[in-house]
Amino acid sequence: MTTPAAASVRWRLRQPSVIPGFGLTLGFSLAYLTLIILIPLSGLLWRTASLSGSEFLSILTDERTLNALKVSFGTALAAAFINVVFGVIVAWVIVRYEFPGRRIIDAVVDLPFALPTAVAGIALAALYAPNGWIGRLLGYIGVKAAFNPTGIVIALVFIGLPFVVRTVQPVMEEIDREVEEAAATLGANRFQTVFRVLLPGLAPAILTGFSLAFARGVGEYGSVIFIAGNIPYVSEIAPLLIVIRLEEFNYAAATAIATIMLSIAFLMLLVINLIQAWSRRRYGHGA
């Protein structure tokens, strides 16, 4: 037996829409994804498939390849975690407080989006080099912040921070101040209000910002090569190693390394998305 509610829903679904329908939008989406993403990736996988199993395994187990992958993914993870902490703080300051220069700070957050990555890399290298303004000060306490993995993390923090801030900020704006006041009325201190009331509701957005910052960091090239030092087995990133293999006309090795990066990044992002979906279901129902 059909209920009135089900009949009403079915009737609404039959009504023509004033905007393009499901068939047209789905076809456009599939065509766009195929042309822009799937075909280039298929070409990459097809070129890698021309390698024999032993050749692919030899490239994968090469010490220089393993070190480059370790540097790329390790620094990207470290930078993403740092961006989560400071990105949430920056978003909180922008959303919750009114102060002179607030709009300027809000605009500066987007600067890494507009700044060419090579320009950012040159500027960071000049600042954090041993003879730079910041690098000279850090040198007094024995910290070398450039031409090593630390410099890579600095560059990835710079280009990844806006992803966290702009992902968390809209969600934070929707949290009513009355929620915090209600928690305080019920006896919660500031620590409990932040970690038991505010952060659970922000968890899906924070995970989204983390995954975006991490994905950007793994494939970053322009802002990294100037401050990394590009020392094999120390501060050489995987994208740079791919470029080196291409310059050596070793296309098979370049595509193999790219395929390995793609596979690892896809698996890590899949895990992050699963955690994000679980977090959204858990805290969404709690709201």
Protein backbone atom coordinates (compact mmCIF):
# COMPACT_ATOMS: atom_id res chain seq x y z
CA MET A 1 0.00 0.00 0.00
CA THR A 2 1.38 3.37 -1.02
CA THR A 3 1.42 5.98 1.72
CA PRO A 4 0.49 9.62 0.97
CA ALA A 5 4.05 10.71 1.74
CA ALA A 6 5.56 8.22 -0.73
CA ALA A 7 3.04 9.23 -3.38
CA SER A 8 3.90 12.89 -2.83
CA VAL A 9 7.62 12.20 -3.21
CA ARG A 10 7.00 10.17 -6.38
CA TRP A 11 4.86 12.98 -7.80
CA ARG A 12 7.56 15.56 -7.12
CA LEU A 13 10.19 13.38 -8.82
CA ARG A 14 8.08 13.28 -11.97
CA GLN A 15 7.86 17.06 -12.23
CA PRO A 16 10.11 18.61 -14.91
CA SER A 17 13.01 20.65 -13.57
CA VAL A 18 13.82 24.18 -14.64
CA ILE A 19 17.51 23.21 -14.72
CA PRO A 20 19.17 20.41 -16.75
CA GLY A 21 18.09 16.97 -15.53
CA PHE A 22 19.98 13.96 -14.25
CA GLY A 23 20.76 12.46 -17.65
CA LEU A 24 22.36 15.60 -19.09
CA THR A 25 24.38 16.46 -15.98
CA LEU A 26 25.55 12.87 -15.52
CA GLY A 27 26.63 12.66 -19.15
CA PHE A 28 28.54 15.93 -18.90
CA SER A 29 30.20 14.82 -15.65
CA LEU A 30 31.30 11.49 -17.09
CA ALA A 31 32.58 13.11 -20.29
CA TYR A 32 34.52 15.73 -18.32
CA LEU A 33 36.06 13.16 -15.97
CA THR A 34 36.97 10.91 -18.88
CA LEU A 35 38.69 13.60 -20.95
CA ILE A 36 40.45 15.41 -18.12
CA ILE A 37 41.29 12.61 -15.67
CA LEU A 38 40.67 9.07 -16.86
CA ILE A 39 42.31 9.24 -20.31
CA PRO A 40 45.60 10.79 -19.04
CA LEU A 41 45.73 8.31 -16.17
CA SER A 42 44.97 5.45 -18.54
CA GLY A 43 47.89 6.54 -20.72
CA LEU A 44 50.15 6.55 -17.66
CA LEU A 45 49.03 3.06 -16.64
CA TRP A 46 49.30 1.78 -20.23
CA ARG A 47 52.90 3.00 -20.48
CA THR A 48 53.74 1.43 -17.13
CA ALA A 49 52.11 -1.85 -18.18
CA SER A 50 54.73 -2.18 -20.93
CA LEU A 51 57.28 -2.95 -18.21
CA SER A 52 57.83 -6.51 -17.13
CA GLY A 53 57.20 -7.47 -13.52
CA SER A 54 60.90 -7.69 -12.77
CA GLU A 55 61.59 -4.27 -14.32
CA PHE A 56 58.79 -2.63 -12.34
CA LEU A 57 59.94 -4.31 -9.13
CA SER A 58 63.50 -3.17 -9.79
CA ILE A 59 62.35 0.45 -10.10
CA LEU A 60 60.13 0.15 -7.04
CA THR A 61 62.86 -1.30 -4.83
CA ASP A 62 65.55 1.08 -6.03
CA GLU A 63 66.98 2.86 -2.99
CA ARG A 64 66.81 6.29 -4.60
CA THR A 65 63.15 5.78 -5.54
CA LEU A 66 62.23 4.59 -2.06
CA ASN A 67 63.95 7.55 -0.44
CA ALA A 68 62.26 10.01 -2.79
CA LEU A 69 58.84 8.49 -2.04
CA LYS A 70 59.58 8.55 1.68
CA VAL A 71 60.54 12.23 1.54
CA SER A 72 57.50 13.21 -0.55
CA PHE A 73 54.87 11.40 1.49
CA GLY A 74 56.54 11.96 4.86
CA THR A 75 56.89 15.72 4.44
CA ALA A 76 53.38 16.00 2.96
CA LEU A 77 51.91 14.21 5.98
CA ALA A 78 53.89 16.33 8.43
CA ALA A 79 52.87 19.56 6.69
CA ALA A 80 49.21 18.48 6.56
CA PHE A 81 49.17 17.81 10.31
CA ILE A 82 50.78 21.19 11.00
CA ASN A 83 48.26 22.89 8.72
CA VAL A 84 45.37 21.23 10.54
CA VAL A 85 46.49 22.71 13.88
CA PHE A 86 47.27 26.21 12.68
CA GLY A 87 44.57 26.25 10.00
CA VAL A 88 41.84 25.65 12.60
CA ILE A 89 43.34 28.37 14.83
CA VAL A 90 43.48 30.87 11.95
CA ALA A 91 39.90 30.06 10.93
CA TRP A 92 38.77 30.47 14.55
CA VAL A 93 40.41 33.89 14.84
CA ILE A 94 38.87 35.09 11.55
CA VAL A 95 35.37 33.81 12.39
CA ARG A 96 35.09 34.49 16.12
CA TYR A 97 36.85 37.83 16.61
CA GLU A 98 36.48 41.37 15.25
CA PHE A 99 39.74 43.33 15.18
CA PRO A 100 41.52 45.89 12.98
CA GLY A 101 43.08 44.23 9.94
CA ARG A 102 40.80 41.20 10.07
CA ARG A 103 39.86 41.50 6.39
CA ILE A 104 43.52 41.86 5.42
CA ILE A 105 44.41 38.64 7.26
CA ASP A 106 41.43 36.93 5.62
CA ALA A 107 42.73 37.99 2.20
CA VAL A 108 46.34 37.02 2.96
CA VAL A 109 45.20 33.43 3.61
CA ASP A 110 44.39 33.10 -0.09
CA LEU A 111 47.76 34.48 -1.22
CA PRO A 112 49.36 31.03 -1.82
CA PHE A 113 46.51 30.29 -4.26
CA ALA A 114 47.40 33.28 -6.44
CA LEU A 115 51.19 33.30 -6.02
CA PRO A 116 53.14 31.24 -8.58
CA THR A 117 54.73 28.30 -6.80
CA ALA A 118 58.17 29.06 -8.20
CA VAL A 119 57.99 32.59 -6.79
CA ALA A 120 56.96 31.17 -3.41
CA GLY A 121 59.87 28.73 -3.50
CA ILE A 122 62.41 31.45 -4.30
CA ALA A 123 61.04 33.70 -1.54
CA LEU A 124 61.07 30.91 1.05
CA ALA A 125 64.58 29.85 0.07
CA ALA A 126 65.81 33.43 0.41
CA LEU A 127 64.23 33.79 3.85
CA TYR A 128 65.18 30.41 5.33
CA ALA A 129 68.62 29.95 3.76
CA PRO A 130 71.52 30.09 6.24
CA ASN A 131 72.21 33.68 5.19
CA GLY A 132 68.52 34.67 5.03
CA TRP A 133 66.66 36.80 7.55
CA ILE A 134 64.95 33.91 9.30
CA GLY A 135 67.57 31.28 8.52
CA ARG A 136 70.31 33.35 10.14
CA LEU A 137 68.29 33.64 13.36
CA LEU A 138 67.52 29.91 13.39
CA GLY A 139 71.20 29.20 12.82
CA TYR A 140 72.02 30.77 16.18
CA ILE A 141 70.09 27.96 17.90
CA GLY A 142 71.48 25.26 15.62
CA VAL A 143 68.46 24.83 13.35
CA LYS A 144 68.96 24.50 9.60
CA ALA A 145 65.63 25.24 7.94
CA ALA A 146 66.59 25.09 4.27
CA PHE A 147 68.12 22.60 1.84
CA ASN A 148 66.86 19.63 3.83
CA PRO A 149 63.47 17.95 4.56
CA THR A 150 62.63 20.71 7.05
CA GLY A 151 62.64 23.20 4.19
CA ILE A 152 60.26 20.97 2.24
CA VAL A 153 57.83 20.93 5.17
CA ILE A 154 58.00 24.73 5.39
CA ALA A 155 57.13 25.06 1.69
CA LEU A 156 54.26 22.57 1.94
CA VAL A 157 52.86 24.32 5.01
CA PHE A 158 52.88 27.57 3.06
CA ILE A 159 50.97 26.22 0.06
CA GLY A 160 48.65 23.93 2.07
CA LEU A 161 47.36 26.23 4.83
CA PRO A 162 44.59 27.86 2.72
CA PHE A 163 43.01 24.46 2.02
CA VAL A 164 42.41 23.85 5.73
CA VAL A 165 41.31 27.39 6.55
CA ARG A 166 38.85 27.68 3.66
CA THR A 167 37.40 24.24 4.34
CA VAL A 168 36.90 24.73 8.07
CA GLN A 169 35.86 28.40 8.03
CA PRO A 170 32.35 28.02 6.48
CA VAL A 171 31.46 25.19 8.86
CA MET A 172 32.75 27.16 11.83
CA GLU A 173 30.61 30.15 10.83
CA GLU A 174 27.50 27.96 11.05
CA ILE A 175 28.18 26.98 14.68
CA ASP A 176 26.03 29.23 16.84
CA ARG A 177 27.65 30.91 19.81
CA GLU A 178 24.69 29.68 21.86
CA VAL A 179 26.18 26.18 21.64
CA GLU A 180 29.27 27.38 23.50
CA GLU A 181 27.14 29.30 26.00
CA ALA A 182 24.97 26.24 26.61
CA ALA A 183 28.06 24.11 27.25
CA ALA A 184 29.37 26.69 29.72
CA THR A 185 25.97 26.83 31.43
CA LEU A 186 26.08 23.05 31.88
CA GLY A 187 29.44 23.33 33.63
CA ALA A 188 31.88 22.64 30.80
CA ASN A 189 35.21 24.44 30.99
CA ARG A 190 36.93 25.90 27.93
CA PHE A 191 38.94 22.77 27.26
CA GLN A 192 35.82 20.59 27.34
CA THR A 193 33.89 23.04 25.17
CA VAL A 194 36.56 23.00 22.47
CA PHE A 195 37.31 19.28 22.41
CA ARG A 196 33.88 17.84 23.22
CA VAL A 197 31.49 20.36 21.66
CA LEU A 198 33.20 22.28 18.84
CA LEU A 199 35.82 19.94 17.36
CA PRO A 200 33.50 16.92 16.88
CA GLY A 201 31.24 19.03 14.69
CA LEU A 202 34.25 20.31 12.74
CA ALA A 203 35.83 16.86 12.33
CA PRO A 204 34.52 16.15 8.78
CA ALA A 205 35.65 19.58 7.55
CA ILE A 206 39.03 19.20 9.25
CA LEU A 207 39.57 15.82 7.59
CA THR A 208 38.60 17.30 4.23
CA GLY A 209 41.10 20.12 4.67
CA PHE A 210 43.74 17.63 5.77
CA SER A 211 43.23 15.44 2.69
CA LEU A 212 43.34 18.45 0.35
CA ALA A 213 46.53 19.81 1.93
CA PHE A 214 48.11 16.35 1.86
CA ALA A 215 47.18 15.74 -1.78
CA ARG A 216 48.55 19.13 -2.80
CA GLY A 217 51.75 18.51 -0.87
CA VAL A 218 52.46 15.10 -2.40
CA GLY A 219 52.50 16.47 -5.93
CA GLU A 220 54.02 19.89 -5.21
CA TYR A 221 57.10 20.76 -7.26
CA GLY A 222 57.66 24.44 -7.91
CA SER A 223 57.77 25.76 -4.35
CA VAL A 224 59.84 22.81 -3.10
CA ILE A 225 62.81 22.45 -5.42
CA PHE A 226 64.29 25.85 -4.49
CA ILE A 227 64.30 25.25 -0.73
CA ALA A 228 64.80 21.46 -0.65
CA GLY A 229 68.40 21.31 -1.79
CA ASN A 230 67.48 18.32 -4.00
CA ILE A 231 70.14 16.07 -2.47
CA PRO A 232 69.65 12.41 -3.52
CA TYR A 233 68.77 10.11 -0.61
CA VAL A 234 68.28 13.18 1.64
CA SER A 235 65.94 15.87 0.28
CA GLU A 236 65.04 14.70 -3.21
CA ILE A 237 61.27 14.51 -3.78
CA ALA A 238 59.57 12.00 -6.07
CA PRO A 239 58.25 14.59 -8.59
CA LEU A 240 61.81 15.84 -9.09
CA LEU A 241 63.04 12.28 -9.60
CA ILE A 242 60.37 11.82 -12.27
CA VAL A 243 61.63 14.94 -14.07
CA ILE A 244 65.21 13.65 -13.82
CA ARG A 245 64.21 10.32 -15.36
CA LEU A 246 62.43 12.14 -18.18
CA GLU A 247 65.53 14.24 -18.87
CA GLU A 248 67.47 10.97 -19.07
CA PHE A 249 64.88 9.73 -21.61
CA ASN A 250 64.06 6.90 -19.21
CA TYR A 251 60.34 7.20 -19.77
CA ALA A 252 59.60 3.75 -18.36
CA ALA A 253 61.14 4.60 -14.99
CA ALA A 254 59.38 7.99 -14.92
CA THR A 255 55.94 6.49 -15.56
CA ALA A 256 56.61 3.68 -13.08
CA ILE A 257 57.46 6.13 -10.30
CA ALA A 258 54.40 8.21 -11.20
CA THR A 259 52.20 5.10 -11.04
CA ILE A 260 53.62 4.17 -7.65
CA MET A 261 52.92 7.70 -6.35
CA LEU A 262 49.41 7.58 -7.79
CA SER A 263 48.67 4.23 -6.15
CA ILE A 264 49.97 5.23 -2.71
CA ALA A 265 48.18 8.60 -2.81
CA PHE A 266 44.92 6.98 -3.92
CA LEU A 267 45.02 4.43 -1.10
CA MET A 268 45.82 7.07 1.52
CA LEU A 269 43.07 9.39 0.29
CA LEU A 270 40.63 6.48 0.22
CA VAL A 271 41.38 5.73 3.87
CA ILE A 272 41.00 9.41 4.77
CA ASN A 273 37.66 9.61 2.93
CA LEU A 274 36.39 6.49 4.72
CA ILE A 275 37.34 8.02 8.07
CA GLN A 276 35.67 11.26 7.03
CA ALA A 277 32.45 9.44 6.07
CA TRP A 278 32.46 7.59 9.40
CA SER A 279 33.03 10.84 11.26
CA ARG A 280 30.20 12.56 9.38
CA ARG A 281 27.75 9.73 10.16
CA ARG A 282 28.74 9.60 13.82
CA TYR A 283 28.73 13.30 14.63
CA GLY A 284 26.02 14.15 12.15
CA HIS A 285 23.52 11.92 13.96
CA GLY A 286 24.74 13.30 17.27
CA ALA A 287 23.80 16.81 16.16
